[in-house]
Structures are given as structure tokens and as C-alpha cells.
């Protein structure tokens, strides 16, 4: 439906709220948030995940399936591979509470 197209066309590549930056895939280390490319925010993997760069906020992301939630000082990775019959994970970023549903439960 056209309402869905409008919704998708108006999505932002990132969202900053409080102490968090929410982004689909991640951020390029060393590049200020206002200079990040949309391509990186949608597709970056290894350079971001293997970085200990401090963006001044916790980066909450998905896109790169991990066997468990990835929790570091500078990032929170929530993609636990639901598409690969693993589990779907969600998180209350303010409390750290996690909820997971296994593929069998989905």
C-alpha cells in the first residue's frame, strides 16, 4: 500500500536518543555521526564490530547476526539470527532487560 511506501521513504538512517545511537548496521570508526554515510549505516560489519571507538554514546544495532547479544561499553548488538532459525531478541536499553523468542516460538 502507498502508506507503507511513504513510511519506508521517510525512515531515518539513524536515531539519537539520550545516551544511545540507534542504527541498522553500525558506524564507521573515527567518523563523526553527522558525516557517516548512509551506506555504512546500512551495511558496515567487521570494521564497526571489531572497533572500540567511542562515539560518546552506546550504538545499538542489528544487521550482523551473533550467537548471543553483543554487549560492549560502546555498542549493543541485538541481531541474534532469527532469520537463521536462532532467536529474536529485543532489549530495554534503559534497564538492560532482554527478551528472546526462539525460532520454535515464532
N, C-alpha and C. Protein backbone atom coordinates (compact mmCIF):
# COMPACT_ATOMS: atom_id res chain seq x y z
N UNK A 1 0.82 -1.21 0.00
CA UNK A 1 0.00 0.00 0.00
C UNK A 1 0.86 1.27 0.00
N UNK A 2 0.31 2.33 -0.51
CA UNK A 2 1.06 3.58 -0.60
C UNK A 2 1.49 4.09 0.77
N UNK A 3 0.68 3.84 1.81
CA UNK A 3 1.07 4.29 3.16
C UNK A 3 2.37 3.62 3.60
N UNK A 4 2.56 2.38 3.20
CA UNK A 4 3.79 1.66 3.56
C UNK A 4 4.99 2.26 2.83
N UNK A 5 4.82 2.57 1.57
CA UNK A 5 5.90 3.21 0.81
C UNK A 5 6.29 4.54 1.43
N UNK A 6 5.31 5.32 1.80
CA UNK A 6 5.57 6.62 2.44
C UNK A 6 6.34 6.41 3.74
N UNK A 7 5.92 5.42 4.53
CA UNK A 7 6.60 5.11 5.78
C UNK A 7 8.07 4.78 5.51
N UNK A 8 8.34 3.87 4.58
CA UNK A 8 9.72 3.47 4.29
C UNK A 8 10.56 4.61 3.73
N UNK A 9 9.98 5.44 2.89
CA UNK A 9 10.72 6.56 2.31
C UNK A 9 11.08 7.62 3.35
N UNK A 10 10.35 7.65 4.45
CA UNK A 10 10.60 8.66 5.48
C UNK A 10 11.43 8.15 6.66
N UNK A 11 11.89 6.91 6.58
CA UNK A 11 12.73 6.38 7.66
C UNK A 11 14.06 7.12 7.70
N UNK A 12 14.61 7.28 8.88
CA UNK A 12 15.91 7.92 9.06
C UNK A 12 16.99 6.84 9.08
N UNK A 13 18.20 7.21 8.72
CA UNK A 13 19.31 6.25 8.71
C UNK A 13 19.84 6.00 10.12
N UNK A 14 19.54 6.89 11.05
CA UNK A 14 19.94 6.70 12.44
C UNK A 14 19.02 7.55 13.32
N UNK A 15 19.03 7.25 14.60
CA UNK A 15 18.21 7.98 15.55
C UNK A 15 19.01 8.12 16.83
N UNK A 16 19.15 9.32 17.32
CA UNK A 16 19.88 9.57 18.56
C UNK A 16 18.87 9.92 19.65
N UNK A 17 18.99 9.21 20.78
CA UNK A 17 18.10 9.46 21.89
C UNK A 17 18.89 9.24 23.18
N UNK A 18 19.02 10.28 23.97
CA UNK A 18 19.75 10.16 25.23
C UNK A 18 21.17 9.68 25.01
N UNK A 19 21.53 8.60 25.66
CA UNK A 19 22.88 8.06 25.59
C UNK A 19 23.03 7.01 24.49
N UNK A 20 22.10 6.99 23.52
CA UNK A 20 22.09 5.93 22.52
C UNK A 20 22.03 6.49 21.09
N UNK A 21 22.69 5.76 20.20
CA UNK A 21 22.56 5.98 18.76
C UNK A 21 22.00 4.67 18.20
N UNK A 22 20.84 4.72 17.60
CA UNK A 22 20.22 3.55 17.00
C UNK A 22 20.48 3.58 15.50
N UNK A 23 21.01 2.48 14.99
CA UNK A 23 21.36 2.41 13.57
C UNK A 23 21.22 0.96 13.12
N UNK A 24 20.94 0.76 11.85
CA UNK A 24 20.72 -0.60 11.36
C UNK A 24 21.98 -1.46 11.48
N UNK A 25 23.08 -1.04 10.89
CA UNK A 25 24.28 -1.90 10.82
C UNK A 25 25.42 -1.43 11.72
N UNK A 26 25.65 -0.15 11.79
CA UNK A 26 26.76 0.36 12.60
C UNK A 26 27.28 1.67 12.06
N UNK A 27 28.43 2.07 12.56
CA UNK A 27 29.04 3.34 12.19
C UNK A 27 30.51 3.11 11.84
N UNK A 28 31.02 3.94 10.96
CA UNK A 28 32.45 3.85 10.61
C UNK A 28 33.26 4.50 11.73
N UNK A 29 34.19 3.73 12.32
CA UNK A 29 35.03 4.28 13.39
C UNK A 29 35.80 5.52 12.94
N UNK A 30 35.85 6.51 13.83
CA UNK A 30 36.61 7.73 13.57
C UNK A 30 35.87 8.78 12.77
N UNK A 31 34.66 8.47 12.31
CA UNK A 31 33.88 9.43 11.51
C UNK A 31 32.75 9.98 12.38
N UNK A 32 32.68 11.31 12.53
CA UNK A 32 31.59 11.89 13.33
C UNK A 32 30.22 11.47 12.79
N UNK A 33 29.25 11.35 13.66
CA UNK A 33 27.92 10.87 13.28
C UNK A 33 27.33 11.68 12.13
N UNK A 34 27.54 12.99 12.14
CA UNK A 34 26.95 13.83 11.08
C UNK A 34 27.64 13.63 9.73
N UNK A 35 28.77 12.93 9.70
CA UNK A 35 29.48 12.67 8.44
C UNK A 35 29.41 11.20 8.02
N UNK A 36 28.68 10.39 8.75
CA UNK A 36 28.55 8.97 8.41
C UNK A 36 27.79 8.82 7.09
N UNK A 37 28.20 7.85 6.30
CA UNK A 37 27.49 7.59 5.05
C UNK A 37 26.31 6.66 5.31
N UNK A 38 25.25 6.87 4.56
CA UNK A 38 24.08 6.01 4.71
C UNK A 38 24.44 4.56 4.37
N UNK A 39 25.31 4.37 3.40
CA UNK A 39 25.75 3.02 3.03
C UNK A 39 26.36 2.30 4.23
N UNK A 40 27.27 2.97 4.95
CA UNK A 40 27.87 2.35 6.12
C UNK A 40 26.83 2.05 7.19
N UNK A 41 25.93 2.98 7.43
CA UNK A 41 24.93 2.78 8.47
C UNK A 41 24.01 1.60 8.16
N UNK A 42 23.89 1.26 6.88
CA UNK A 42 23.04 0.14 6.47
C UNK A 42 23.80 -1.17 6.27
N UNK A 43 25.12 -1.09 5.98
CA UNK A 43 25.83 -2.29 5.54
C UNK A 43 27.12 -2.63 6.28
N UNK A 44 27.72 -1.70 7.00
CA UNK A 44 29.03 -1.96 7.62
C UNK A 44 28.93 -3.17 8.58
N UNK A 45 30.02 -3.90 8.69
CA UNK A 45 30.04 -5.04 9.61
C UNK A 45 31.36 -5.05 10.40
N UNK A 46 32.36 -5.75 9.91
CA UNK A 46 33.59 -6.01 10.64
C UNK A 46 34.31 -4.79 11.17
N UNK A 47 34.47 -3.77 10.34
CA UNK A 47 35.18 -2.57 10.81
C UNK A 47 34.50 -1.94 12.01
N UNK A 48 33.18 -2.01 12.03
CA UNK A 48 32.43 -1.47 13.16
C UNK A 48 32.48 -2.42 14.36
N UNK A 49 32.10 -3.67 14.15
CA UNK A 49 32.01 -4.63 15.26
C UNK A 49 33.35 -4.84 15.96
N UNK A 50 34.43 -4.80 15.20
CA UNK A 50 35.76 -5.04 15.77
C UNK A 50 36.41 -3.77 16.33
N UNK A 51 35.68 -2.68 16.36
CA UNK A 51 36.21 -1.41 16.81
C UNK A 51 35.89 -1.14 18.28
N UNK A 52 36.79 -0.46 18.94
CA UNK A 52 36.50 0.00 20.30
C UNK A 52 36.35 1.52 20.32
N UNK A 53 36.11 2.10 19.14
CA UNK A 53 35.95 3.55 19.02
C UNK A 53 34.79 4.03 19.91
N UNK A 54 34.97 5.16 20.52
CA UNK A 54 33.96 5.73 21.42
C UNK A 54 33.22 6.87 20.71
N UNK A 55 31.96 6.64 20.38
CA UNK A 55 31.14 7.67 19.73
C UNK A 55 30.49 8.58 20.76
N UNK A 56 30.80 8.38 22.03
CA UNK A 56 30.22 9.20 23.09
C UNK A 56 28.85 8.71 23.53
N UNK A 57 28.33 7.70 22.86
CA UNK A 57 27.05 7.10 23.18
C UNK A 57 27.14 5.62 22.84
N UNK A 58 26.23 4.83 23.37
CA UNK A 58 26.18 3.42 23.01
C UNK A 58 25.46 3.27 21.68
N UNK A 59 26.08 2.57 20.74
CA UNK A 59 25.49 2.33 19.42
C UNK A 59 24.69 1.02 19.50
N UNK A 60 23.39 1.11 19.26
CA UNK A 60 22.50 -0.04 19.27
C UNK A 60 22.26 -0.41 17.80
N UNK A 61 22.53 -1.67 17.46
CA UNK A 61 22.49 -2.06 16.05
C UNK A 61 22.04 -3.51 15.89
N UNK A 62 21.79 -3.88 14.65
CA UNK A 62 21.48 -5.25 14.26
C UNK A 62 22.35 -5.61 13.07
N UNK A 63 21.78 -6.23 12.06
CA UNK A 63 22.41 -6.49 10.77
C UNK A 63 23.46 -7.58 10.77
N UNK A 64 24.19 -7.77 11.84
CA UNK A 64 25.27 -8.76 11.88
C UNK A 64 24.95 -9.81 12.94
N UNK A 65 24.37 -10.95 12.50
CA UNK A 65 23.95 -11.96 13.47
C UNK A 65 25.12 -12.46 14.33
N UNK A 66 24.85 -12.57 15.61
CA UNK A 66 25.80 -13.08 16.60
C UNK A 66 25.10 -14.22 17.34
N UNK A 67 25.86 -15.18 17.88
CA UNK A 67 25.21 -16.27 18.63
C UNK A 67 24.53 -15.78 19.91
N UNK A 68 25.01 -14.67 20.45
CA UNK A 68 24.42 -14.08 21.64
C UNK A 68 24.41 -12.56 21.48
N UNK A 69 23.64 -11.88 22.30
CA UNK A 69 23.63 -10.42 22.28
C UNK A 69 25.07 -9.94 22.51
N UNK A 70 25.50 -8.99 21.70
CA UNK A 70 26.86 -8.44 21.80
C UNK A 70 26.79 -7.19 22.67
N UNK A 71 27.39 -7.25 23.85
CA UNK A 71 27.34 -6.13 24.79
C UNK A 71 28.77 -5.67 25.05
N UNK A 72 29.04 -4.42 24.70
CA UNK A 72 30.33 -3.79 24.97
C UNK A 72 30.06 -2.39 25.51
N UNK A 73 31.11 -1.73 25.99
CA UNK A 73 30.94 -0.36 26.50
C UNK A 73 30.39 0.58 25.45
N UNK A 74 30.77 0.37 24.18
CA UNK A 74 30.41 1.31 23.12
C UNK A 74 29.31 0.81 22.19
N UNK A 75 28.82 -0.43 22.38
CA UNK A 75 27.83 -0.95 21.45
C UNK A 75 26.96 -2.04 22.07
N UNK A 76 25.79 -2.20 21.47
CA UNK A 76 24.84 -3.23 21.85
C UNK A 76 24.29 -3.84 20.57
N UNK A 77 24.70 -5.07 20.26
CA UNK A 77 24.26 -5.75 19.05
C UNK A 77 23.13 -6.71 19.36
N UNK A 78 21.97 -6.49 18.77
CA UNK A 78 20.78 -7.27 19.11
C UNK A 78 20.39 -8.31 18.07
N UNK A 79 21.13 -8.43 16.98
CA UNK A 79 20.80 -9.42 15.95
C UNK A 79 21.33 -10.78 16.39
N UNK A 80 20.43 -11.64 16.84
CA UNK A 80 20.82 -12.98 17.27
C UNK A 80 20.35 -14.04 16.27
N UNK A 81 20.18 -13.63 15.02
CA UNK A 81 19.98 -14.56 13.92
C UNK A 81 18.61 -15.20 13.80
N UNK A 82 17.56 -14.46 14.09
CA UNK A 82 16.22 -15.03 13.95
C UNK A 82 15.98 -15.57 12.54
N UNK A 83 16.53 -14.89 11.56
CA UNK A 83 16.34 -15.33 10.17
C UNK A 83 17.01 -16.67 9.89
N UNK A 84 17.96 -17.05 10.72
CA UNK A 84 18.68 -18.31 10.56
C UNK A 84 18.21 -19.36 11.57
N UNK A 85 16.97 -19.24 12.01
CA UNK A 85 16.37 -20.17 12.97
C UNK A 85 17.00 -20.10 14.36
N UNK A 86 17.63 -18.99 14.66
CA UNK A 86 18.11 -18.78 16.02
C UNK A 86 17.01 -18.04 16.77
N UNK A 87 17.33 -17.06 17.57
CA UNK A 87 16.26 -16.39 18.32
C UNK A 87 16.14 -14.92 17.94
N UNK A 88 14.98 -14.38 18.23
CA UNK A 88 14.69 -12.96 18.06
C UNK A 88 14.92 -12.30 19.41
N UNK A 89 15.65 -11.20 19.42
CA UNK A 89 15.99 -10.53 20.67
C UNK A 89 15.51 -9.09 20.66
N UNK A 90 14.97 -8.65 21.78
CA UNK A 90 14.68 -7.24 21.97
C UNK A 90 15.20 -6.84 23.34
N UNK A 91 15.34 -5.53 23.55
CA UNK A 91 16.00 -5.05 24.76
C UNK A 91 15.41 -3.73 25.21
N UNK A 92 15.28 -3.58 26.51
CA UNK A 92 15.01 -2.27 27.09
C UNK A 92 16.38 -1.65 27.34
N UNK A 93 16.80 -0.72 26.52
CA UNK A 93 18.15 -0.18 26.62
C UNK A 93 18.38 0.60 27.92
N UNK A 94 17.32 1.04 28.55
CA UNK A 94 17.47 1.81 29.79
C UNK A 94 17.73 0.90 30.99
N UNK A 95 17.16 -0.30 30.98
CA UNK A 95 17.33 -1.22 32.11
C UNK A 95 18.28 -2.36 31.80
N UNK A 96 18.50 -2.63 30.51
CA UNK A 96 19.33 -3.76 30.12
C UNK A 96 18.55 -5.07 30.06
N UNK A 97 17.25 -5.03 30.36
CA UNK A 97 16.43 -6.24 30.28
C UNK A 97 16.37 -6.73 28.84
N UNK A 98 16.53 -8.04 28.66
CA UNK A 98 16.47 -8.68 27.35
C UNK A 98 15.30 -9.65 27.31
N UNK A 99 14.68 -9.77 26.14
CA UNK A 99 13.66 -10.76 25.90
C UNK A 99 14.04 -11.48 24.62
N UNK A 100 13.88 -12.80 24.63
CA UNK A 100 14.20 -13.58 23.44
C UNK A 100 13.10 -14.59 23.18
N UNK A 101 12.86 -14.85 21.91
CA UNK A 101 11.94 -15.88 21.47
C UNK A 101 12.70 -16.78 20.52
N UNK A 102 12.65 -18.07 20.76
CA UNK A 102 13.36 -19.00 19.89
C UNK A 102 12.58 -19.15 18.59
N UNK A 103 13.24 -19.70 17.59
CA UNK A 103 12.58 -19.91 16.29
C UNK A 103 11.34 -20.77 16.46
N UNK A 104 11.40 -21.73 17.35
CA UNK A 104 10.24 -22.59 17.56
C UNK A 104 9.05 -21.83 18.12
N UNK A 105 9.32 -20.75 18.85
CA UNK A 105 8.25 -19.94 19.44
C UNK A 105 7.68 -18.92 18.47
N UNK A 106 8.40 -18.65 17.40
CA UNK A 106 7.97 -17.60 16.47
C UNK A 106 6.91 -18.08 15.55
